[in-house]
Protein backbone atom coordinates (compact mmCIF):
# COMPACT_ATOMS: atom_id res chain seq x y z
CA MET A 1 0.00 0.00 0.00
CA ARG A 2 1.41 3.34 -1.08
CA LYS A 3 1.87 5.92 1.68
CA LEU A 4 0.21 9.29 1.38
CA ILE A 5 2.52 12.29 1.13
CA CYS A 6 1.33 15.53 2.68
CA VAL A 7 2.31 18.51 0.50
CA GLU A 8 1.99 20.79 3.50
CA THR A 9 4.63 19.09 5.64
CA GLY A 10 6.46 16.63 3.42
CA LEU A 11 5.55 13.91 5.93
CA SER A 12 4.24 10.45 5.08
CA VAL A 13 0.80 11.16 6.58
CA PRO A 14 -1.35 14.30 6.66
CA ALA A 15 -0.74 16.63 9.58
CA THR A 16 -4.36 16.30 10.69
CA LEU A 17 -3.92 12.52 11.15
CA LEU A 18 -0.74 12.71 13.19
CA SER A 19 -0.91 12.34 16.95
CA LEU A 20 1.36 12.03 19.94
CA PRO A 21 2.37 8.60 21.21
CA ASP A 22 0.05 6.99 23.77
CA ALA A 23 0.38 7.62 27.51
CA ALA A 24 2.36 4.40 28.14
CA SER A 25 4.95 5.32 25.51
CA LEU A 26 5.30 8.84 26.91
CA ALA A 27 5.71 7.42 30.43
CA ALA A 28 8.44 5.06 29.22
CA LEU A 29 10.26 7.93 27.53
CA ARG A 30 10.08 10.11 30.62
CA ALA A 31 11.33 7.29 32.85
CA TRP A 32 14.23 6.76 30.46
CA HIS A 33 15.06 10.48 30.59
CA GLU A 34 14.94 10.34 34.41
CA GLY A 35 17.63 7.68 34.47
CA LEU A 36 16.11 4.21 33.92
CA SER A 37 17.75 2.01 31.35
CA SER A 38 15.88 1.59 28.07
CA ARG A 39 15.15 -2.05 28.94
CA ASP A 40 13.70 -1.22 32.39
CA ALA A 41 11.66 1.71 31.06
CA VAL A 42 10.16 -0.29 28.19
CA THR A 43 9.49 -3.36 30.33
CA ARG A 44 7.83 -1.35 33.13
CA TYR A 45 5.48 0.75 30.96
CA LEU A 46 5.07 -1.11 27.68
CA GLY A 47 5.43 -4.76 28.68
CA GLY A 48 4.24 -6.99 25.88
CA ALA A 49 3.45 -4.07 23.59
CA ARG A 50 7.00 -4.09 22.29
CA PRO A 51 7.23 -4.94 18.57
CA VAL A 52 8.69 -8.37 17.93
CA GLY A 53 12.40 -8.29 17.26
CA GLN A 54 12.83 -4.62 18.25
CA SER A 55 15.31 -3.72 20.96
CA SER A 56 14.39 -1.56 23.93
CA ARG A 57 16.78 1.10 22.67
CA GLY A 58 15.00 0.95 19.30
CA VAL A 59 11.61 1.38 21.00
CA ILE A 60 12.78 4.52 22.81
CA GLY A 61 14.24 5.87 19.57
CA ALA A 62 10.98 5.22 17.71
CA ILE A 63 8.98 7.09 20.36
CA ARG A 64 11.30 10.09 20.07
CA ARG A 65 11.06 10.07 16.27
CA GLU A 66 7.27 9.90 16.44
CA ILE A 67 7.17 12.93 18.74
CA ALA A 68 9.64 14.79 16.52
CA THR A 69 7.47 14.11 13.47
CA PHE A 70 4.37 15.40 15.30
CA THR A 71 6.30 18.44 16.51
CA ARG A 72 7.38 19.38 12.99
CA SER A 73 3.81 18.95 11.76
CA ARG A 74 2.83 21.68 14.23
CA HIS A 75 5.69 23.94 13.10
CA ARG A 76 7.31 23.84 16.52
CA ASP A 77 10.92 23.39 15.46
CA ASP A 78 11.95 24.95 18.76
CA LEU A 79 10.57 21.87 20.54
CA ALA A 80 11.62 19.32 17.92
CA LYS A 81 15.27 19.64 18.92
CA LEU A 82 14.41 18.00 22.27
CA PHE A 83 13.53 14.81 20.41
CA THR A 84 16.24 14.70 17.75
CA GLY A 85 19.97 14.15 18.03
CA PRO A 86 21.73 13.11 21.24
CA ALA A 87 19.32 12.94 24.16
CA ARG A 88 20.01 14.44 27.57
CA LYS A 89 19.18 12.44 30.67
CA GLY A 90 18.41 13.53 34.20
CA PRO A 91 15.55 15.25 36.08
CA ALA A 92 15.96 18.53 34.18
CA ALA A 93 15.75 16.77 30.81
CA ALA A 94 12.66 14.85 31.96
CA ARG A 95 10.94 18.07 33.05
CA ALA A 96 11.79 19.76 29.75
CA MET A 97 10.37 16.80 27.84
CA ALA A 98 7.15 16.84 29.91
CA ALA A 99 6.73 20.59 29.44
CA ALA A 100 7.18 20.24 25.68
CA ILE A 101 4.54 17.49 25.55
CA GLU A 102 2.05 19.72 27.39
CA GLN A 103 2.59 22.50 24.84
CA LEU A 104 2.17 20.07 21.96
CA ARG A 105 -1.12 18.73 23.32
CA SER A 106 -2.76 22.12 22.75
CA ALA A 107 -0.93 22.96 19.52
CA ALA A 108 -3.37 23.40 16.67
CA VAL A 109 -2.75 22.18 13.14
CA PRO A 110 -1.12 25.20 11.49
CA VAL A 111 -2.85 27.08 8.71
CA PRO A 112 -0.77 28.43 5.84
CA LEU A 113 -0.38 32.21 5.76
CA ILE A 114 0.49 34.15 2.66
CA GLY A 115 3.75 35.45 4.11
CA ASP A 116 5.06 32.01 5.15
CA GLY A 117 8.24 30.69 3.57
CA VAL A 118 7.86 27.94 0.95
CA ASP A 119 10.08 25.58 2.99
CA LEU A 120 7.51 25.71 5.79
CA TRP A 121 4.82 24.01 3.70
CA LEU A 122 6.43 22.24 0.76
CA ALA A 123 8.75 19.25 0.56
CA PRO A 124 12.41 20.16 1.16
CA ARG A 125 13.53 19.37 -2.41
CA VAL A 126 10.71 21.41 -3.94
CA ALA A 127 11.32 24.33 -1.57
CA ALA A 128 15.05 24.31 -2.36
CA VAL A 129 14.33 24.51 -6.10
CA LEU A 130 11.91 27.39 -5.61
CA ARG A 131 14.35 29.32 -3.44
CA GLN A 132 17.04 28.86 -6.07
CA ALA A 133 14.65 30.53 -8.52
CA GLY A 134 14.07 33.48 -6.14
CA ILE A 135 10.67 32.28 -4.91
CA LYS A 136 10.88 32.47 -1.11
CA THR A 137 7.30 32.90 0.17
CA LEU A 138 3.85 31.59 -0.69
CA ALA A 139 3.03 35.09 -1.94
CA ASP A 140 5.97 34.93 -4.34
CA LEU A 141 4.86 31.51 -5.51
CA THR A 142 1.22 32.29 -6.22
CA LEU A 143 1.94 35.62 -7.90
CA ARG A 144 5.19 35.00 -9.78
CA VAL A 145 4.27 31.62 -11.19
CA PRO A 146 2.10 32.11 -14.34
CA ARG A 147 -1.26 30.36 -14.22
CA ARG A 148 -0.84 28.47 -17.49
CA ARG A 149 -0.07 25.00 -18.72
CA ARG A 150 3.47 23.81 -18.07
CA TRP A 151 4.20 26.89 -15.98
CA TRP A 152 7.00 25.02 -14.22
CA VAL A 153 9.31 24.74 -17.23
CA ASP A 154 10.79 28.15 -16.42
CA ILE A 155 11.88 26.89 -12.99
CA GLY A 156 14.90 24.68 -13.45
CA GLY A 157 14.78 21.40 -11.55
CA LEU A 158 11.12 21.56 -10.48
CA GLY A 159 9.55 19.12 -12.95
CA ALA A 160 5.98 18.01 -13.45
CA ALA A 161 5.79 15.98 -10.22
CA GLY A 162 6.86 18.96 -8.07
CA ALA A 163 4.47 21.22 -9.98
CA ARG A 164 1.57 18.84 -9.26
CA ARG A 165 2.33 18.96 -5.55
CA ILE A 166 2.32 22.77 -5.58
CA GLU A 167 -0.94 22.88 -7.55
CA GLY A 168 -2.50 20.47 -5.06
CA PHE A 169 -1.40 22.65 -2.18
CA PHE A 170 -3.02 25.79 -3.65
CA ALA A 171 -6.15 23.82 -4.56
CA ALA A 172 -6.46 22.88 -0.88
CA HIS A 173 -6.01 26.54 0.19
CA PRO A 174 -7.73 28.72 -2.46
CA ASP A 175 -7.85 31.81 -0.23
CA LEU A 176 -4.06 32.20 -0.42
CA THR A 177 -4.25 33.57 -3.95
CA ASP A 178 -6.75 36.28 -2.98
CA ARG A 179 -4.68 37.28 0.01
CA ALA A 180 -1.54 37.55 -2.09
CA ARG A 181 -3.29 39.77 -4.60
CA ALA A 182 -4.53 42.02 -1.81
CA LEU A 183 -0.98 42.50 -0.61
CA VAL A 184 0.22 43.36 -4.11
CA VAL A 185 -2.46 46.01 -4.45
CA SER A 186 -1.35 47.52 -1.14
CA ASN A 187 2.25 47.68 -2.31
CA ALA A 188 3.31 46.17 0.98
CA PRO A 189 7.11 45.85 1.21
CA GLU A 190 8.94 42.67 2.09
CA HIS A 191 9.04 43.73 5.75
CA VAL A 192 6.18 45.16 7.78
CA VAL A 193 6.16 48.97 7.87
CA PRO A 194 4.23 51.49 10.00
CA TRP A 195 0.57 51.79 9.07
CA GLU A 196 0.98 55.35 7.76
CA LYS A 197 3.30 54.04 5.00
CA ILE A 198 1.00 51.47 3.41
CA VAL A 199 -1.92 51.87 1.04
CA VAL A 200 -4.50 49.33 2.16
CA PRO A 201 -6.77 47.88 -0.54
CA GLN A 202 -10.50 48.19 -0.05
CA ARG A 203 -10.80 44.44 0.47
CA VAL A 204 -8.95 44.65 3.81
CA ASP A 205 -9.44 48.26 4.93
CA GLY A 206 -12.75 47.57 6.68
CA THR A 207 -14.99 49.33 4.18
CA MET A 208 -16.65 45.98 3.60
CA GLY A 209 -15.79 44.43 6.96
CA LEU A 210 -17.53 41.14 7.63
CA TYR A 211 -18.73 42.24 11.06
CA ARG A 212 -19.50 45.88 10.31
CA ALA A 213 -22.74 47.11 11.84
CA PRO A 214 -25.38 48.67 9.58
CA ARG A 215 -24.11 52.04 8.40
CA ALA A 216 -27.34 53.81 9.30
CA SER A 217 -26.96 52.92 12.99
CA CYS A 218 -23.27 53.89 13.35
CA ILE A 219 -22.60 57.16 15.20
CA LEU A 220 -19.03 57.46 13.86
CA ARG A 221 -18.21 59.23 10.62
CA ALA A 222 -15.43 56.69 10.01
CA ASN A 223 -15.57 54.94 6.65
CA ASN A 224 -12.93 52.32 7.40
CA ASP A 225 -11.14 50.59 10.26
CA PHE A 226 -8.20 52.99 10.36
CA GLU A 227 -10.47 56.01 10.79
CA ALA A 228 -12.49 54.21 13.46
CA VAL A 229 -9.35 53.34 15.42
CA GLN A 230 -8.14 56.95 15.12
CA ALA A 231 -11.44 58.10 16.62
CA TRP A 232 -10.91 55.72 19.53
CA LEU A 233 -7.36 56.94 20.08
CA SER A 234 -8.51 60.56 20.13
CA LEU A 235 -10.48 59.84 23.31
CA HIS A 236 -7.23 59.52 25.25
CA GLU A 237 -5.61 62.90 25.80
CA ALA A 238 -2.53 61.72 27.69
CA PRO A 239 0.30 61.34 25.14
CA ALA A 240 1.75 58.28 26.88
CA THR A 241 -1.61 56.50 26.89
CA GLN A 242 -2.25 57.37 23.27
CA ARG A 243 1.16 56.05 22.22
CA ALA A 244 0.66 52.80 24.14
CA TYR A 245 -2.82 52.20 22.69
CA ARG A 246 -1.74 53.15 19.16
CA LYS A 247 1.03 50.56 19.32
CA GLU A 248 -1.43 47.80 20.22
CA ALA A 249 -3.97 48.81 17.57
CA GLU A 250 -1.30 49.17 14.88
CA ARG A 251 0.17 45.74 15.62
CA LEU A 252 -3.23 44.11 15.31
CA ILE A 253 -4.18 45.88 12.08
CA LEU A 254 -0.85 45.03 10.43
CA TRP A 255 -1.10 41.42 11.54
CA ALA A 256 -4.69 41.11 10.33
CA ILE A 257 -3.78 42.41 6.87
CA VAL A 258 -0.43 40.71 6.37
CA GLU A 259 -0.89 37.38 8.13
CA ARG A 260 -4.66 36.76 7.95
CA GLY A 261 -5.52 38.74 4.83
CA VAL A 262 -8.59 40.29 6.45
CA ALA A 263 -9.74 43.65 7.78
CA LEU A 264 -9.81 44.52 11.47
CA SER A 265 -13.61 44.52 11.33
CA SER A 266 -13.55 41.02 9.80
CA LEU A 267 -11.63 39.35 12.64
CA ALA A 268 -13.35 36.38 14.21
CA THR A 269 -12.78 34.75 17.59
CA GLU A 270 -10.49 32.17 15.97
CA ASP A 271 -8.35 35.05 14.66
CA ALA A 272 -8.13 36.53 18.17
CA VAL A 273 -6.97 33.18 19.55
CA ALA A 274 -4.34 32.96 16.80
CA TYR A 275 -3.18 36.50 17.59
CA ARG A 276 -2.76 35.56 21.25
CA ALA A 277 -0.38 32.78 20.18
CA PHE A 278 1.37 35.14 17.76
CA LEU A 279 2.13 37.63 20.55
CA ARG A 280 4.11 34.97 22.42
CA GLN A 281 6.36 34.32 19.44
CA PRO A 282 5.89 36.74 16.48
CA THR A 283 6.77 34.89 13.28
CA PRO A 284 8.30 35.17 10.77
CA ARG A 285 10.77 36.83 13.09
CA ALA A 286 12.57 38.79 10.36
CA ARG A 287 9.31 40.45 9.36
CA TRP A 288 7.99 41.32 12.80
CA VAL A 289 10.87 41.57 15.27
CA GLY A 290 13.77 44.01 15.39
CA PRO A 291 15.65 46.42 17.65
CA ALA A 292 14.01 49.67 18.74
CA SER A 293 14.20 52.08 15.79
CA PRO A 294 12.48 55.29 14.66
CA ARG A 295 9.33 54.82 12.62
CA THR A 296 11.11 56.41 9.67
CA SER A 297 13.89 53.82 9.73
CA ALA A 298 13.98 50.80 7.42
CA GLU A 299 14.91 48.75 10.51
CA TRP A 300 11.61 49.53 12.27
CA ARG A 301 9.57 46.51 13.34
CA PRO A 302 6.38 46.28 15.43
CA PHE A 303 7.98 44.04 18.07
CA ALA A 304 11.27 43.88 19.94
CA GLY A 305 10.60 40.24 20.77
CA GLY A 306 7.91 37.93 22.05
CA LEU A 307 5.71 39.41 24.77
CA SER A 308 5.72 38.22 28.37
CA THR A 309 2.62 36.76 29.98
CA ARG A 310 1.83 40.06 31.64
CA SER A 311 2.35 42.04 28.41
CA ARG A 312 0.15 39.66 26.43
CA ALA A 313 -2.60 40.05 29.01
CA TYR A 314 -2.27 43.84 28.77
CA THR A 315 -2.45 43.73 24.97
CA LEU A 316 -5.59 41.61 24.95
CA SER A 317 -7.18 43.88 27.56
CA VAL A 318 -6.51 47.00 25.45
CA LEU A 319 -7.82 45.40 22.26
CA SER A 320 -10.92 44.09 23.99
CA SER A 321 -11.57 47.57 25.34
CA MET A 322 -11.14 49.03 21.85
CA PHE A 323 -13.68 46.62 20.36
CA ARG A 324 -16.14 47.28 23.20
CA TRP A 325 -16.00 50.97 22.33
CA LEU A 326 -16.45 50.24 18.62
CA ILE A 327 -19.53 48.19 19.51
CA GLU A 328 -20.87 51.08 21.60
CA GLN A 329 -20.43 53.36 18.58
CA ARG A 330 -22.27 50.73 16.48
CA TYR A 331 -19.28 50.40 14.15
CA VAL A 332 -18.92 46.63 14.61
CA LEU A 333 -21.30 43.96 15.83
CA ALA A 334 -19.07 41.84 18.04
CA ASN A 335 -15.86 41.74 20.06
CA PRO A 336 -13.59 38.88 18.90
CA PHE A 337 -11.38 39.34 21.99
CA ALA A 338 -14.22 38.89 24.49
CA GLY A 339 -13.26 36.18 26.94
CA ILE A 340 -9.77 35.68 25.45
CA LYS A 341 -7.43 35.27 28.44
CA VAL A 342 -3.74 34.51 28.89
CA ARG A 343 -2.97 31.43 30.95
CA GLY A 344 -0.84 32.26 33.94
CA ALA A 345 -1.59 35.99 33.89
CA ARG A 346 -2.23 37.42 37.33
CA HIS A 347 -5.21 39.56 38.09
CA ALA A 348 -4.48 43.26 37.90
CA THR A 349 -2.85 44.58 41.04
CA LEU A 350 -1.35 47.81 42.11
CA ASP A 351 2.02 48.36 40.52
CA THR A 352 4.66 48.73 43.18
CA THR A 353 7.70 48.48 40.94
CA ARG A 354 7.72 52.21 40.13
CA SER A 355 7.57 53.60 43.63
CA PHE A 356 9.84 54.72 46.44
CA SER A 357 10.24 52.89 49.73
CA GLU A 358 9.70 54.71 53.01
CA GLY A 359 13.44 55.26 53.41
CA GLU A 360 13.88 56.38 49.80
CA TRP A 361 11.00 58.83 50.09
CA THR A 362 12.59 60.32 53.24
CA LEU A 363 15.82 60.95 51.33
CA VAL A 364 13.92 62.48 48.40
CA ARG A 365 12.05 64.82 50.75
CA THR A 366 15.33 65.79 52.44
CA VAL A 367 16.71 66.95 49.10
CA ALA A 368 13.46 68.83 48.39
CA GLU A 369 13.76 70.77 51.65
CA GLY A 370 17.12 72.22 50.62
CA LEU A 371 16.41 73.15 47.00
CA GLU A 372 16.63 76.91 47.41
CA TRP A 373 19.45 76.84 49.98
CA SER A 374 21.79 74.24 48.55
CA TYR A 375 20.88 73.60 44.93
CA GLY A 376 20.13 77.00 43.41
CA TRP A 377 16.35 76.82 42.96
CA GLN A 378 14.31 80.00 43.24
CA PRO A 379 12.36 80.10 46.54
CA GLY A 380 8.98 80.21 44.79
CA ALA A 381 9.88 77.30 42.53
CA ALA A 382 11.19 75.24 45.47
CA GLN A 383 8.05 75.89 47.52
CA ARG A 384 5.81 74.93 44.62
CA LEU A 385 7.81 71.75 44.00
CA ARG A 386 7.47 70.66 47.63
CA PHE A 387 3.71 71.24 47.49
CA LEU A 388 3.50 69.36 44.19
CA ILE A 389 5.23 66.19 45.38
CA ASP A 390 3.69 66.22 48.86
CA PHE A 391 0.15 66.78 47.61
CA SER A 392 0.57 64.11 44.90
CA TYR A 393 2.01 61.72 47.46
CA GLY A 394 -0.82 62.34 49.94
CA THR A 395 -3.68 62.04 47.41
CA GLY A 396 -2.44 59.74 44.66
CA LEU A 397 -3.64 62.17 41.97
CA ARG A 398 -2.59 61.81 38.36
CA ALA A 399 -0.51 64.65 36.96
CA SER A 400 -3.34 65.83 34.70
CA GLU A 401 -5.80 65.77 37.61
CA LEU A 402 -3.57 67.94 39.80
CA ALA A 403 -2.87 70.36 36.95
CA HIS A 404 -6.62 70.94 36.43
CA ALA A 405 -7.69 70.93 40.10
CA THR A 406 -9.07 74.17 41.59
CA LEU A 407 -10.03 75.32 45.07
CA GLY A 408 -13.67 75.05 44.05
CA SER A 409 -13.18 71.30 43.64
CA ILE A 410 -12.66 70.84 47.39
CA GLU A 411 -15.65 69.78 49.46
CA LEU A 412 -16.17 69.43 53.21
CA ASP A 413 -18.84 66.81 53.91
CA ALA A 414 -21.20 66.57 56.87
CA HIS A 415 -18.74 64.39 58.77
CA GLY A 416 -15.89 66.88 58.53
CA ASP A 417 -13.96 64.94 55.88
CA HIS A 418 -12.34 66.84 53.01
CA TRP A 419 -12.71 65.57 49.43
CA LEU A 420 -11.31 66.73 46.12
CA HIS A 421 -13.53 66.24 43.09
CA VAL A 422 -11.60 65.44 39.91
CA LEU A 423 -12.21 64.57 36.29
CA GLY A 424 -10.10 61.50 35.85
CA LYS A 425 -8.97 59.18 33.10
CA GLY A 426 -11.52 58.76 30.35
CA SER A 427 -13.32 61.94 31.54
CA LYS A 428 -14.75 59.97 34.48
CA ALA A 429 -15.80 62.07 37.47
CA GLY A 430 -14.53 60.94 40.86
CA LYS A 431 -13.35 62.13 44.21
CA VAL A 432 -10.33 61.50 46.42
CA VAL A 433 -9.82 61.90 50.12
CA LEU A 434 -7.79 64.92 51.28
CA PRO A 435 -5.93 63.53 54.31
CA GLY A 436 -4.28 65.72 56.90
CA LEU A 437 -0.97 65.76 55.00
CA ALA A 438 -2.61 67.09 51.84
CA ARG A 439 -4.64 69.73 53.70
CA ALA A 440 -1.58 70.93 55.65
CA VAL A 441 0.66 71.33 52.58
CA LEU A 442 -2.19 73.04 50.70
CA ASP A 443 -2.64 75.60 53.50
CA ARG A 444 1.10 76.28 53.56
CA HIS A 445 1.22 76.63 49.77
CA LEU A 446 -1.71 79.06 49.72
CA ALA A 447 -0.05 81.19 52.40
CA GLN A 448 3.22 81.22 50.43
CA ARG A 449 1.27 82.43 47.38
CA GLY A 450 -0.40 85.18 49.41
CA LEU A 451 -3.84 83.60 49.09
CA PRO A 452 -6.41 83.15 51.88
CA VAL A 453 -6.33 79.87 53.76
CA THR A 454 -9.96 80.07 54.95
CA PRO A 455 -12.25 78.21 52.52
CA ALA A 456 -14.96 80.85 52.80
CA LYS A 457 -12.58 83.40 51.23
CA TRP A 458 -11.42 81.16 48.36
CA ASN A 459 -11.94 82.00 44.73
CA PRO A 460 -13.32 78.70 43.37
CA ALA A 461 -11.49 79.20 40.06
CA THR A 462 -8.04 79.43 41.67
CA PRO A 463 -5.86 76.49 40.59
CA LEU A 464 -4.28 74.43 43.33
CA LEU A 465 -0.99 74.52 41.45
CA GLY A 466 -0.29 77.98 40.06
CA SER A 467 2.40 79.54 37.91
CA LEU A 468 5.18 81.52 39.56
CA ASP A 469 4.25 84.80 37.89
CA GLY A 470 0.50 84.89 38.43
CA GLU A 471 -2.65 83.10 39.48
CA ALA A 472 -2.95 81.06 36.30
CA GLY A 473 -2.45 77.34 36.48
CA ILE A 474 0.15 75.23 34.71
CA THR A 475 -0.24 72.51 32.11
CA SER A 476 0.33 68.82 32.65
CA LYS A 477 3.36 69.07 30.38
CA ARG A 478 4.84 71.83 32.54
CA LEU A 479 4.12 69.85 35.71
CA TRP A 480 5.90 66.89 34.19
CA ALA A 481 8.96 69.01 33.36
CA ILE A 482 9.10 70.47 36.90
CA VAL A 483 9.07 67.06 38.56
CA LYS A 484 11.60 65.59 36.12
CA ARG A 485 13.91 68.54 36.84
CA PHE A 486 13.66 67.87 40.55
CA PHE A 487 14.26 64.13 40.17
CA GLY A 488 17.32 64.94 38.09
CA THR A 489 18.62 67.28 40.81
CA ALA A 490 17.98 64.67 43.52
CA ALA A 491 19.70 61.97 41.45
CA GLY A 492 22.82 64.12 41.20
CA VAL A 493 22.80 64.79 44.95
CA LEU A 494 22.35 61.13 45.91
CA ALA A 495 24.61 59.58 43.25
CA ASP A 496 27.51 58.98 45.63
CA THR A 497 25.64 58.03 48.81
CA SER A 498 22.67 56.15 47.32
CA PRO A 499 23.52 55.09 43.76
CA ALA A 500 20.56 52.70 43.50
CA LEU A 501 18.11 55.44 44.46
CA ALA A 502 19.84 57.88 42.10
CA GLU A 503 19.34 55.41 39.26
CA LYS A 504 15.64 55.10 40.12
CA LEU A 505 15.28 58.88 40.17
CA GLN A 506 16.70 59.15 36.67
CA LEU A 507 13.85 56.92 35.50
CA ALA A 508 11.14 58.36 37.74
CA SER A 509 8.19 60.44 36.56
CA PRO A 510 5.32 62.26 38.31
CA HIS A 511 3.31 59.03 38.17
CA TRP A 512 5.73 57.49 40.66
CA MET A 513 4.15 59.59 43.44
CA ARG A 514 0.85 57.92 42.67
CA HIS A 515 2.42 54.47 42.94
CA THR A 516 4.27 55.50 46.11
CA HIS A 517 1.00 56.76 47.61
CA ALA A 518 -0.65 53.40 46.97
CA THR A 519 2.30 51.38 48.27
CA HIS A 520 2.65 53.34 51.50
CA ALA A 521 -1.09 53.39 52.15
CA LEU A 522 -1.19 49.59 51.95
CA GLN A 523 1.88 49.26 54.15
CA ARG A 524 0.26 51.51 56.76
CA GLY A 525 -2.90 49.45 57.07
CA ALA A 526 -5.30 50.62 54.37
CA ASP A 527 -6.91 47.66 52.61
CA LEU A 528 -6.60 47.06 48.89
CA PRO A 529 -10.23 47.85 47.94
CA THR A 530 -9.98 51.20 49.72
CA VAL A 531 -6.77 52.18 47.97
CA ARG A 532 -8.10 51.06 44.61
CA ASP A 533 -11.26 53.08 45.19
CA ASN A 534 -9.29 56.18 46.06
CA LEU A 535 -7.10 55.76 42.98
CA ARG A 536 -10.23 55.12 40.92
CA HIS A 537 -8.69 52.07 39.25
CA ALA A 538 -11.91 50.16 39.82
CA SER A 539 -15.15 50.73 41.67
CA LEU A 540 -16.61 48.53 44.36
CA SER A 541 -19.92 46.96 43.42
CA THR A 542 -22.03 47.96 46.37
CA THR A 543 -25.67 48.85 46.80
CA SER A 544 -26.70 52.41 47.46
CA MET A 545 -27.31 51.70 51.15
CA TYR A 546 -23.59 51.03 51.63
CA LEU A 547 -22.25 54.02 49.74
CA HIS A 548 -22.31 56.27 52.78
CA SER A 549 -20.43 53.83 54.99
CA ASP A 550 -17.86 53.21 52.26
CA ASP A 551 -17.10 56.93 52.14
CA LEU A 552 -16.67 57.06 55.89
CA ARG A 553 -14.34 54.07 55.88
CA ARG A 554 -12.30 55.40 52.98
CA ALA A 555 -11.91 58.87 54.53
CA LYS A 556 -10.79 57.35 57.83
CA GLN A 557 -8.23 54.97 56.33
CA ILE A 558 -6.64 57.39 53.88
CA GLY A 559 -6.69 60.18 56.49
CA GLY A 560 -4.94 57.92 58.99
CA ALA A 561 -2.30 56.91 56.49
CA PHE A 562 -1.33 60.50 55.68
CA GLU A 563 -1.68 62.58 58.83
CA ALA A 564 -0.62 66.22 59.05
CA PRO A 565 2.95 66.69 60.33
CA SER A 566 3.23 67.74 63.94
CA ALA A 567 4.10 71.38 64.56
């Protein structure tokens, strides 16, 4: 009986029919890796299942070859090396083998993509002949090879048999030709380029997206996916946030066009699952991965490497949020990333990696106290800086929130607790507790500015953080520059005595006060829900009858964590 040859893998059976060895064979292989002899391992786990006339060593070798064949059918060459060549023995080798098997169990049968190399899907001899003729990818093959009789005669060494295999491959995957043509129309270069440099054909620009909502119901003026994404990005005023979100949206759009041949608004759940796997190991690496480079550089690539578990979880969260908004605008009908999670990702927690410890914060404040006396700052600038960092530290405000805060935003409730009403991220209204520390530094700052300390005499429009030459406020950008200047000064002062802290200060930004606020509040006894509520990262799902008590509890805990300094 003649064996079937799979044109996709060059193996003797189709990839869909291949499977891993049975549990007994895998147990024997692991035992052998752990140190048992081949005879003992085979006898213990396989017993009479051994083929007649085959040695125990031959049985182990056959199991390894079977796994290697399956591994290559799933395009996991990185794992195949564990089962080919000289084998390592010992506990570490056994654990590596077991981990590889677990990954292979969930590995899906790969689907050919238009940008894949010909050697990934065609028999080695055929692929070598094509490469010699300058045909390196499936796109090259389907577009450069004329669709006529005896088209292969121009490719030396291919022959009729090789041509039949190629024709069979494209007959099994007819969508590859359409995808290749779409890429030609877009004039996409060999390597992926920033989205502003490509001309996307109508077929994949979202104009005719498979999951577009009815045009009459959409409240966006966007005609295509790019315009819709730009509208979403415009919601986020913070430059850092906009850059981060643009990166995630751009990566997805480029991947959808180049690797899937579809528009963003045509992505299905299966595409989202495939993208999750792609983020772990972007391939082909030469197309997607490269060192950090300007967007104008030919060396620019969307990725610097595969993403960590935490980064993949962040990416999926951003993309899911983007699609939720597009659904709300009635631009698309569904969210392909809904429910897509990353195994092993931790639930979101407060980030304590970009914060100062209690001791570090004491040193930072010591430098701040001597700015005008020892480091050449103007008295007014030094006083404002101390208020800025102390008030940010005591409240956990974002830089933009502090820059826009006014005296009229402060409220004294019936229980004597002070609150500051803010317009936070995403234009969401909220309020934060003003503990004793924040109230004390605010009173001192107002007195230094020659403004009344008594609330009844306040001008509600007066900004909490004013310019040095008037009553006008300052921008978030200016606030950022002031804090960065101070951190640079402090880094220079502490370079010799505290080099680790000096290094942190060189990297620090105004947002570090927010993280430091959260870290110290938790360390001083405030519980996590309270801190999260005050930072407005998430709201507590409580009924209206508990809202009042929640406010009391939050005011007490934050107030106790940041008491006014003793006179």
